[in-house]
Amino acid sequence: MIEEYVNKLKEWFAEKTGTITAFSGGVDSTLVLYLSNYFMGSRGIGCISISPSLKRKDYAFAIQFCEQYDIGLELVETRELLDENYFSNPGNRCYFCKSHLYKTLEIISAKYPGYQILNGTNTDDLGDYRPGLIAATENQIHSPLVECSIDKQTVRELARHFGLPNWEKPASPCLSSRVPYGDRITLEKLSQIEKAEAILNRFGFGDVRVRHFGKLAKIEVPGYQISELNVRIEEISKKILELGFDEIIVDEEGLVSGKLNRALNI
């Protein structure tokens, strides 16, 4: 089955002059970028945005990955935090974020005539609330995983097949997704979230979310780790409180991706 998908992707890339992959360090865009280079060599390049909403460790991974596989990488700086449509944090914040990214990528693409811009969207993403998909459509961004009917599970299987180092990396949405809609996005909040989640990682919790409710930090870990977290919450809380929070609570429901979208009643 994996070989069938590999052949389908090979045919997909064979028709392209060259590609520029919007690279975030997540497994989806990593696979797309790797395959673009695998099938097209130097005509498959990546582009990563230096954005405060991207974790520093994801940025560092992206740089290291491209060095390891000798993949060309362009660095751009998106300035979404200067856009009130973004930092005011409306329900469609992701649309404005992706619009900034794709418009910036269009500038980069001028250096590479005929190259198509790609993202890492897979078929499972189509059933989720993702305003950024509208921005992708408006900017004529291609999604090879969708066009080859590849879901998240198959993404991981393909990434493992090719030996990619992050094939089982937990999903890590942008840091802004931890802030409730309507609460402004600030550099301080993004920094607090990133540092709080890094603290949890150091205590052995790999798949985490720290939701930012002003002076309250709400921690989410997978359900099977909640009891372990509660045992260690006192020492963990002590370190997270030093970041500027007044209260730490554990979400007993456990980690649910996109939980804050519930406020949108979608």
C-alpha atoms as a PDB file:
ATOM      1  CA  MET A   1       0.000   0.000   0.000  1.00  0.00           C
ATOM      2  CA  ILE A   2       2.833   2.399   0.866  1.00  0.00           C
ATOM      3  CA  GLU A   3       4.431   1.794  -2.528  1.00  0.00           C
ATOM      4  CA  GLU A   4       1.172   2.745  -4.210  1.00  0.00           C
ATOM      5  CA  TYR A   5       1.218   6.116  -2.463  1.00  0.00           C
ATOM      6  CA  VAL A   6       4.908   6.586  -3.242  1.00  0.00           C
ATOM      7  CA  ASN A   7       4.242   5.959  -6.937  1.00  0.00           C
ATOM      8  CA  LYS A   8       1.271   8.308  -6.908  1.00  0.00           C
ATOM      9  CA  LEU A   9       3.371  11.057  -5.323  1.00  0.00           C
ATOM     10  CA  LYS A  10       6.202  10.394  -7.757  1.00  0.00           C
ATOM     11  CA  GLU A  11       3.807  10.948 -10.655  1.00  0.00           C
ATOM     12  CA  TRP A  12       2.470  14.095  -8.996  1.00  0.00           C
ATOM     13  CA  PHE A  13       5.904  15.667  -8.618  1.00  0.00           C
ATOM     14  CA  ALA A  14       6.999  14.527 -12.091  1.00  0.00           C
ATOM     15  CA  GLU A  15       4.654  17.070 -13.634  1.00  0.00           C
ATOM     16  CA  LYS A  16       6.142  20.024 -11.735  1.00  0.00           C
ATOM     17  CA  THR A  17       8.857  22.425 -12.851  1.00  0.00           C
ATOM     18  CA  GLY A  18       9.816  22.957  -9.224  1.00  0.00           C
ATOM     19  CA  THR A  19       8.189  23.501  -5.841  1.00  0.00           C
ATOM     20  CA  ILE A  20       8.455  25.682  -2.753  1.00  0.00           C
ATOM     21  CA  THR A  21       7.059  24.024   0.371  1.00  0.00           C
ATOM     22  CA  ALA A  22       5.714  26.104   3.244  1.00  0.00           C
ATOM     23  CA  PHE A  23       7.723  24.364   5.950  1.00  0.00           C
ATOM     24  CA  SER A  24       6.870  24.440   9.663  1.00  0.00           C
ATOM     25  CA  GLY A  25       8.832  21.492  11.031  1.00  0.00           C
ATOM     26  CA  GLY A  26       5.676  19.409  11.507  1.00  0.00           C
ATOM     27  CA  VAL A  27       5.494  15.913  10.056  1.00  0.00           C
ATOM     28  CA  ASP A  28       3.103  16.870   7.213  1.00  0.00           C
ATOM     29  CA  SER A  29       5.180  19.662   5.699  1.00  0.00           C
ATOM     30  CA  THR A  30       8.370  17.723   6.469  1.00  0.00           C
ATOM     31  CA  LEU A  31       7.132  14.830   4.351  1.00  0.00           C
ATOM     32  CA  VAL A  32       6.073  17.105   1.494  1.00  0.00           C
ATOM     33  CA  LEU A  33       9.401  18.926   1.521  1.00  0.00           C
ATOM     34  CA  TYR A  34      11.398  15.713   1.748  1.00  0.00           C
ATOM     35  CA  LEU A  35       9.516  14.157  -1.167  1.00  0.00           C
ATOM     36  CA  SER A  36       9.849  17.272  -3.300  1.00  0.00           C
ATOM     37  CA  ASN A  37      13.604  17.042  -2.870  1.00  0.00           C
ATOM     38  CA  TYR A  38      13.589  13.246  -3.182  1.00  0.00           C
ATOM     39  CA  PHE A  39      11.815  13.344  -6.514  1.00  0.00           C
ATOM     40  CA  MET A  40      13.112  16.641  -7.931  1.00  0.00           C
ATOM     41  CA  GLY A  41      16.462  17.247  -6.285  1.00  0.00           C
ATOM     42  CA  SER A  42      17.449  20.906  -6.026  1.00  0.00           C
ATOM     43  CA  ARG A  43      14.153  21.926  -7.657  1.00  0.00           C
ATOM     44  CA  GLY A  44      12.337  21.029  -4.430  1.00  0.00           C
ATOM     45  CA  ILE A  45      13.019  23.699  -1.832  1.00  0.00           C
ATOM     46  CA  GLY A  46      11.470  24.797   1.459  1.00  0.00           C
ATOM     47  CA  CYS A  47      10.552  28.106   2.995  1.00  0.00           C
ATOM     48  CA  ILE A  48      10.045  28.700   6.703  1.00  0.00           C
ATOM     49  CA  SER A  49       8.593  31.775   8.357  1.00  0.00           C
ATOM     50  CA  ILE A  50      10.445  33.312  11.280  1.00  0.00           C
ATOM     51  CA  SER A  51       7.348  33.968  13.341  1.00  0.00           C
ATOM     52  CA  PRO A  52       6.826  34.343  17.109  1.00  0.00           C
ATOM     53  CA  SER A  53       3.962  31.866  16.862  1.00  0.00           C
ATOM     54  CA  LEU A  54       6.368  29.096  15.783  1.00  0.00           C
ATOM     55  CA  LYS A  55       8.218  27.317  18.573  1.00  0.00           C
ATOM     56  CA  ARG A  56      11.962  27.921  18.541  1.00  0.00           C
ATOM     57  CA  LYS A  57      12.595  24.171  18.709  1.00  0.00           C
ATOM     58  CA  ASP A  58      10.470  23.630  15.581  1.00  0.00           C
ATOM     59  CA  TYR A  59      12.412  26.341  13.793  1.00  0.00           C
ATOM     60  CA  ALA A  60      15.697  24.764  14.900  1.00  0.00           C
ATOM     61  CA  PHE A  61      14.514  21.349  13.703  1.00  0.00           C
ATOM     62  CA  ALA A  62      13.606  22.777  10.294  1.00  0.00           C
ATOM     63  CA  ILE A  63      17.061  24.268   9.846  1.00  0.00           C
ATOM     64  CA  GLN A  64      18.772  21.052  10.951  1.00  0.00           C
ATOM     65  CA  PHE A  65      16.532  18.899   8.757  1.00  0.00           C
ATOM     66  CA  CYS A  66      17.350  20.853   5.614  1.00  0.00           C
ATOM     67  CA  GLU A  67      21.046  20.748   6.415  1.00  0.00           C
ATOM     68  CA  GLN A  68      20.882  17.001   7.027  1.00  0.00           C
ATOM     69  CA  TYR A  69      19.165  16.275   3.713  1.00  0.00           C
ATOM     70  CA  ASP A  70      20.873  19.038   1.732  1.00  0.00           C
ATOM     71  CA  ILE A  71      17.583  20.760   0.951  1.00  0.00           C
ATOM     72  CA  GLY A  72      17.486  24.399  -0.095  1.00  0.00           C
ATOM     73  CA  LEU A  73      15.690  26.571   2.456  1.00  0.00           C
ATOM     74  CA  GLU A  74      14.502  30.164   2.209  1.00  0.00           C
ATOM     75  CA  LEU A  75      13.871  32.127   5.401  1.00  0.00           C
ATOM     76  CA  VAL A  76      11.159  34.770   5.470  1.00  0.00           C
ATOM     77  CA  GLU A  77       9.739  36.995   8.170  1.00  0.00           C
ATOM     78  CA  THR A  78       5.995  37.341   8.298  1.00  0.00           C
ATOM     79  CA  ARG A  79       4.652  40.257  10.312  1.00  0.00           C
ATOM     80  CA  GLU A  80       1.223  39.017  11.282  1.00  0.00           C
ATOM     81  CA  LEU A  81       1.535  40.474  14.788  1.00  0.00           C
ATOM     82  CA  LEU A  82       1.428  43.937  13.205  1.00  0.00           C
ATOM     83  CA  ASP A  83      -1.941  43.137  11.624  1.00  0.00           C
ATOM     84  CA  GLU A  84      -4.945  43.874  13.852  1.00  0.00           C
ATOM     85  CA  ASN A  85      -6.916  41.299  11.882  1.00  0.00           C
ATOM     86  CA  TYR A  86      -4.524  38.775  13.372  1.00  0.00           C
ATOM     87  CA  PHE A  87      -3.523  40.017  16.814  1.00  0.00           C
ATOM     88  CA  SER A  88      -7.122  40.855  17.762  1.00  0.00           C
ATOM     89  CA  ASN A  89      -7.575  37.060  17.530  1.00  0.00           C
ATOM     90  CA  PRO A  90     -10.919  36.652  15.748  1.00  0.00           C
ATOM     91  CA  GLY A  91     -12.399  33.237  15.067  1.00  0.00           C
ATOM     92  CA  ASN A  92     -10.797  33.212  11.610  1.00  0.00           C
ATOM     93  CA  ARG A  93      -7.356  34.309  12.842  1.00  0.00           C
ATOM     94  CA  CYS A  94      -5.735  31.431  10.969  1.00  0.00           C
ATOM     95  CA  TYR A  95      -6.971  32.880   7.678  1.00  0.00           C
ATOM     96  CA  PHE A  96      -5.001  36.087   8.205  1.00  0.00           C
ATOM     97  CA  CYS A  97      -1.924  34.181   9.363  1.00  0.00           C
ATOM     98  CA  LYS A  98      -1.864  32.001   6.257  1.00  0.00           C
ATOM     99  CA  SER A  99      -2.658  34.953   4.011  1.00  0.00           C
ATOM    100  CA  HIS A 100       0.461  36.722   5.311  1.00  0.00           C
ATOM    101  CA  LEU A 101       2.513  33.578   4.786  1.00  0.00           C
ATOM    102  CA  TYR A 102       1.325  32.854   1.266  1.00  0.00           C
ATOM    103  CA  LYS A 103       1.676  36.462   0.122  1.00  0.00           C
ATOM    104  CA  THR A 104       5.252  36.406   1.401  1.00  0.00           C
ATOM    105  CA  LEU A 105       5.891  33.117  -0.383  1.00  0.00           C
ATOM    106  CA  GLU A 106       4.693  34.676  -3.633  1.00  0.00           C
ATOM    107  CA  ILE A 107       7.542  37.175  -3.305  1.00  0.00           C
ATOM    108  CA  ILE A 108       9.995  34.308  -2.815  1.00  0.00           C
ATOM    109  CA  SER A 109       8.548  32.433  -5.791  1.00  0.00           C
ATOM    110  CA  ALA A 110       9.522  35.309  -8.074  1.00  0.00           C
ATOM    111  CA  LYS A 111      13.090  34.024  -7.698  1.00  0.00           C
ATOM    112  CA  TYR A 112      12.012  30.619  -8.989  1.00  0.00           C
ATOM    113  CA  PRO A 113       9.935  31.017 -12.177  1.00  0.00           C
ATOM    114  CA  GLY A 114       7.397  28.247 -12.682  1.00  0.00           C
ATOM    115  CA  TYR A 115       7.746  26.810  -9.178  1.00  0.00           C
ATOM    116  CA  GLN A 116       4.490  25.986  -7.406  1.00  0.00           C
ATOM    117  CA  ILE A 117       3.919  26.740  -3.726  1.00  0.00           C
ATOM    118  CA  LEU A 118       2.931  23.726  -1.616  1.00  0.00           C
ATOM    119  CA  ASN A 119       1.607  23.139   1.878  1.00  0.00           C
ATOM    120  CA  GLY A 120       1.310  20.069   4.082  1.00  0.00           C
ATOM    121  CA  THR A 121      -2.482  19.814   4.248  1.00  0.00           C
ATOM    122  CA  ASN A 122      -3.716  16.212   4.353  1.00  0.00           C
ATOM    123  CA  THR A 123      -7.224  14.861   3.801  1.00  0.00           C
ATOM    124  CA  ASP A 124      -8.037  14.703   7.524  1.00  0.00           C
ATOM    125  CA  ASP A 125      -7.532  18.476   7.724  1.00  0.00           C
ATOM    126  CA  LEU A 126     -10.420  19.006   5.318  1.00  0.00           C
ATOM    127  CA  GLY A 127     -12.884  17.805   7.942  1.00  0.00           C
ATOM    128  CA  ASP A 128     -11.589  20.199  10.609  1.00  0.00           C
ATOM    129  CA  TYR A 129     -12.209  23.911  11.160  1.00  0.00           C
ATOM    130  CA  ARG A 130      -9.252  25.473   9.331  1.00  0.00           C
ATOM    131  CA  PRO A 131      -9.812  28.990   7.958  1.00  0.00           C
ATOM    132  CA  GLY A 132      -6.273  28.850   6.599  1.00  0.00           C
ATOM    133  CA  LEU A 133      -7.525  26.493   3.899  1.00  0.00           C
ATOM    134  CA  ILE A 134      -9.485  29.403   2.426  1.00  0.00           C
ATOM    135  CA  ALA A 135      -6.293  31.434   2.204  1.00  0.00           C
ATOM    136  CA  ALA A 136      -4.586  28.498   0.482  1.00  0.00           C
ATOM    137  CA  THR A 137      -7.341  28.308  -2.116  1.00  0.00           C
ATOM    138  CA  GLU A 138      -7.294  32.061  -2.714  1.00  0.00           C
ATOM    139  CA  ASN A 139      -3.536  31.984  -3.266  1.00  0.00           C
ATOM    140  CA  GLN A 140      -3.597  28.864  -5.453  1.00  0.00           C
ATOM    141  CA  ILE A 141      -1.480  26.824  -3.059  1.00  0.00           C
ATOM    142  CA  HIS A 142      -1.155  23.144  -3.936  1.00  0.00           C
ATOM    143  CA  SER A 143      -1.609  20.318  -1.419  1.00  0.00           C
ATOM    144  CA  PRO A 144       0.027  17.152  -2.784  1.00  0.00           C
ATOM    145  CA  LEU A 145      -1.120  15.055   0.172  1.00  0.00           C
ATOM    146  CA  VAL A 146      -4.744  15.984  -0.480  1.00  0.00           C
ATOM    147  CA  GLU A 147      -4.401  15.612  -4.237  1.00  0.00           C
ATOM    148  CA  CYS A 148      -2.982  12.122  -3.690  1.00  0.00           C
ATOM    149  CA  SER A 149      -5.694  11.220  -1.113  1.00  0.00           C
ATOM    150  CA  ILE A 150      -3.311  10.866   1.841  1.00  0.00           C
ATOM    151  CA  ASP A 151      -4.601  11.094   5.420  1.00  0.00           C
ATOM    152  CA  LYS A 152      -2.678  11.709   8.653  1.00  0.00           C
ATOM    153  CA  GLN A 153      -2.076   8.049   9.430  1.00  0.00           C
ATOM    154  CA  THR A 154      -0.643   7.504   5.965  1.00  0.00           C
ATOM    155  CA  VAL A 155       1.522  10.601   6.368  1.00  0.00           C
ATOM    156  CA  ARG A 156       3.133   9.023   9.415  1.00  0.00           C
ATOM    157  CA  GLU A 157       3.506   5.671   7.677  1.00  0.00           C
ATOM    158  CA  LEU A 158       5.215   7.336   4.722  1.00  0.00           C
ATOM    159  CA  ALA A 159       7.436   9.428   6.995  1.00  0.00           C
ATOM    160  CA  ARG A 160       8.452   6.281   8.855  1.00  0.00           C
ATOM    161  CA  HIS A 161       9.030   4.461   5.549  1.00  0.00           C
ATOM    162  CA  PHE A 162      11.500   7.153   4.499  1.00  0.00           C
ATOM    163  CA  GLY A 163      13.127   7.292   7.931  1.00  0.00           C
ATOM    164  CA  LEU A 164      12.195  10.878   8.671  1.00  0.00           C
ATOM    165  CA  PRO A 165      13.267  11.853  12.196  1.00  0.00           C
ATOM    166  CA  ASN A 166       9.920  13.352  13.198  1.00  0.00           C
ATOM    167  CA  TRP A 167       7.601  10.666  11.858  1.00  0.00           C
ATOM    168  CA  GLU A 168       5.912  10.229  15.240  1.00  0.00           C
ATOM    169  CA  LYS A 169       6.202  13.849  16.431  1.00  0.00           C
ATOM    170  CA  PRO A 170       2.960  14.984  18.124  1.00  0.00           C
ATOM    171  CA  ALA A 171       0.946  17.650  16.347  1.00  0.00           C
ATOM    172  CA  SER A 172       2.066  21.124  17.400  1.00  0.00           C
ATOM    173  CA  PRO A 173      -0.247  23.882  16.169  1.00  0.00           C
ATOM    174  CA  CYS A 174       0.986  27.459  16.298  1.00  0.00           C
ATOM    175  CA  LEU A 175       1.338  29.013  19.740  1.00  0.00           C
ATOM    176  CA  SER A 176      -1.452  31.500  19.030  1.00  0.00           C
ATOM    177  CA  SER A 177      -3.927  28.614  19.034  1.00  0.00           C
ATOM    178  CA  ARG A 178      -3.527  28.426  22.829  1.00  0.00           C
ATOM    179  CA  VAL A 179      -5.095  31.875  23.314  1.00  0.00           C
ATOM    180  CA  PRO A 180      -8.933  32.056  23.497  1.00  0.00           C
ATOM    181  CA  TYR A 181     -10.556  33.869  20.586  1.00  0.00           C
ATOM    182  CA  GLY A 182     -11.081  37.535  21.349  1.00  0.00           C
ATOM    183  CA  ASP A 183      -8.058  37.754  23.663  1.00  0.00           C
ATOM    184  CA  ARG A 184      -5.255  39.652  21.969  1.00  0.00           C
ATOM    185  CA  ILE A 185      -2.176  37.844  20.750  1.00  0.00           C
ATOM    186  CA  THR A 186       0.998  39.371  22.173  1.00  0.00           C
ATOM    187  CA  LEU A 187       4.672  38.464  22.140  1.00  0.00           C
ATOM    188  CA  GLU A 188       4.558  38.096  25.931  1.00  0.00           C
ATOM    189  CA  LYS A 189       1.720  35.570  25.810  1.00  0.00           C
ATOM    190  CA  LEU A 190       3.378  33.523  23.073  1.00  0.00           C
ATOM    191  CA  SER A 191       6.630  33.476  25.027  1.00  0.00           C
ATOM    192  CA  GLN A 192       4.873  32.374  28.224  1.00  0.00           C
ATOM    193  CA  ILE A 193       3.106  29.550  26.389  1.00  0.00           C
ATOM    194  CA  GLU A 194       6.256  28.333  24.696  1.00  0.00           C
ATOM    195  CA  LYS A 195       8.262  28.350  27.932  1.00  0.00           C
ATOM    196  CA  ALA A 196       5.469  26.671  29.917  1.00  0.00           C
ATOM    197  CA  GLU A 197       5.175  23.862  27.384  1.00  0.00           C
ATOM    198  CA  ALA A 198       8.960  23.473  27.371  1.00  0.00           C
ATOM    199  CA  ILE A 199       8.828  22.989  31.146  1.00  0.00           C
ATOM    200  CA  LEU A 200       6.268  20.223  30.718  1.00  0.00           C
ATOM    201  CA  ASN A 201       8.424  18.626  28.015  1.00  0.00           C
ATOM    202  CA  ARG A 202      11.375  18.572  30.411  1.00  0.00           C
ATOM    203  CA  PHE A 203       9.221  16.724  32.943  1.00  0.00           C
ATOM    204  CA  GLY A 204       8.552  14.036  30.346  1.00  0.00           C
ATOM    205  CA  PHE A 205       5.224  15.216  28.906  1.00  0.00           C
ATOM    206  CA  GLY A 206       5.734  15.376  25.154  1.00  0.00           C
ATOM    207  CA  ASP A 207       2.255  16.078  23.788  1.00  0.00           C
ATOM    208  CA  VAL A 208       0.965  19.114  25.673  1.00  0.00           C
ATOM    209  CA  ARG A 209      -1.018  22.321  25.398  1.00  0.00           C
ATOM    210  CA  VAL A 210      -0.883  25.238  27.812  1.00  0.00           C
ATOM    211  CA  ARG A 211      -3.968  27.363  27.249  1.00  0.00           C
ATOM    212  CA  HIS A 212      -3.454  31.019  28.151  1.00  0.00           C
ATOM    213  CA  PHE A 213      -6.357  32.566  30.079  1.00  0.00           C
ATOM    214  CA  GLY A 214      -4.704  35.775  31.237  1.00  0.00           C
ATOM    215  CA  LYS A 215      -3.174  35.019  34.624  1.00  0.00           C
ATOM    216  CA  LEU A 216      -4.481  31.454  34.480  1.00  0.00           C
ATOM    217  CA  ALA A 217      -2.637  28.670  32.673  1.00  0.00           C
ATOM    218  CA  LYS A 218      -4.646  25.539  31.896  1.00  0.00           C
ATOM    219  CA  ILE A 219      -2.571  22.445  31.159  1.00  0.00           C
ATOM    220  CA  GLU A 220      -3.684  19.690  28.793  1.00  0.00           C
ATOM    221  CA  VAL A 221      -1.934  16.339  28.442  1.00  0.00           C
ATOM    222  CA  PRO A 222      -3.271  13.069  26.989  1.00  0.00           C
ATOM    223  CA  GLY A 223      -5.822  11.385  29.232  1.00  0.00           C
ATOM    224  CA  TYR A 224      -3.534   8.509  30.172  1.00  0.00           C
ATOM    225  CA  GLN A 225      -0.981  10.970  31.585  1.00  0.00           C
ATOM    226  CA  ILE A 226      -3.320  13.072  33.717  1.00  0.00           C
ATOM    227  CA  SER A 227      -2.757  11.065  36.890  1.00  0.00           C
ATOM    228  CA  GLU A 228       1.019  11.288  36.426  1.00  0.00           C
ATOM    229  CA  LEU A 229       0.720  15.047  35.853  1.00  0.00           C
ATOM    230  CA  ASN A 230      -1.356  15.494  39.011  1.00  0.00           C
ATOM    231  CA  VAL A 231       1.316  13.697  41.035  1.00  0.00           C
ATOM    232  CA  ARG A 232       3.949  16.167  39.831  1.00  0.00           C
ATOM    233  CA  ILE A 233       1.793  19.270  39.457  1.00  0.00           C
ATOM    234  CA  GLU A 234       3.191  21.038  42.528  1.00  0.00           C
ATOM    235  CA  GLU A 235       6.766  21.109  41.292  1.00  0.00           C
ATOM    236  CA  ILE A 236       5.671  21.816  37.729  1.00  0.00           C
ATOM    237  CA  SER A 237       3.381  24.652  38.823  1.00  0.00           C
ATOM    238  CA  LYS A 238       6.173  26.277  40.785  1.00  0.00           C
ATOM    239  CA  LYS A 239       8.234  26.677  37.620  1.00  0.00           C
ATOM    240  CA  ILE A 240       5.340  27.764  35.388  1.00  0.00           C
ATOM    241  CA  LEU A 241       4.187  30.374  37.930  1.00  0.00           C
ATOM    242  CA  GLU A 242       7.597  31.996  37.586  1.00  0.00           C
ATOM    243  CA  LEU A 243       6.642  32.893  34.005  1.00  0.00           C
ATOM    244  CA  GLY A 244       4.036  35.378  35.210  1.00  0.00           C
ATOM    245  CA  PHE A 245       0.924  33.267  35.800  1.00  0.00           C
ATOM    246  CA  ASP A 246      -0.994  33.446  39.076  1.00  0.00           C
ATOM    247  CA  GLU A 247      -2.789  30.100  38.839  1.00  0.00           C
ATOM    248  CA  ILE A 248      -2.186  26.722  37.205  1.00  0.00           C
ATOM    249  CA  ILE A 249      -4.902  24.116  36.697  1.00  0.00           C
ATOM    250  CA  VAL A 250      -4.982  20.742  35.010  1.00  0.00           C
ATOM    251  CA  ASP A 251      -7.699  20.167  32.429  1.00  0.00           C
ATOM    252  CA  GLU A 252      -9.134  16.870  33.603  1.00  0.00           C
ATOM    253  CA  GLU A 253     -10.737  16.229  30.207  1.00  0.00           C
ATOM    254  CA  GLY A 254      -7.261  15.785  28.762  1.00  0.00           C
ATOM    255  CA  LEU A 255      -5.716  17.035  25.564  1.00  0.00           C
ATOM    256  CA  VAL A 256      -8.183  17.806  22.791  1.00  0.00           C
ATOM    257  CA  SER A 257      -6.759  19.405  19.680  1.00  0.00           C
ATOM    258  CA  GLY A 258      -8.602  22.593  18.737  1.00  0.00           C
ATOM    259  CA  LYS A 259     -10.517  22.680  22.031  1.00  0.00           C
ATOM    260  CA  LEU A 260     -10.837  26.465  21.943  1.00  0.00           C
ATOM    261  CA  ASN A 261     -12.807  26.174  18.696  1.00  0.00           C
ATOM    262  CA  ARG A 262     -15.776  25.024  20.791  1.00  0.00           C
ATOM    263  CA  ALA A 263     -16.423  28.672  21.639  1.00  0.00           C
ATOM    264  CA  LEU A 264     -17.239  29.250  17.965  1.00  0.00           C
ATOM    265  CA  ASN A 265     -20.128  26.758  18.060  1.00  0.00           C
ATOM    266  CA  ILE A 266     -19.018  25.052  14.850  1.00  0.00           C
END
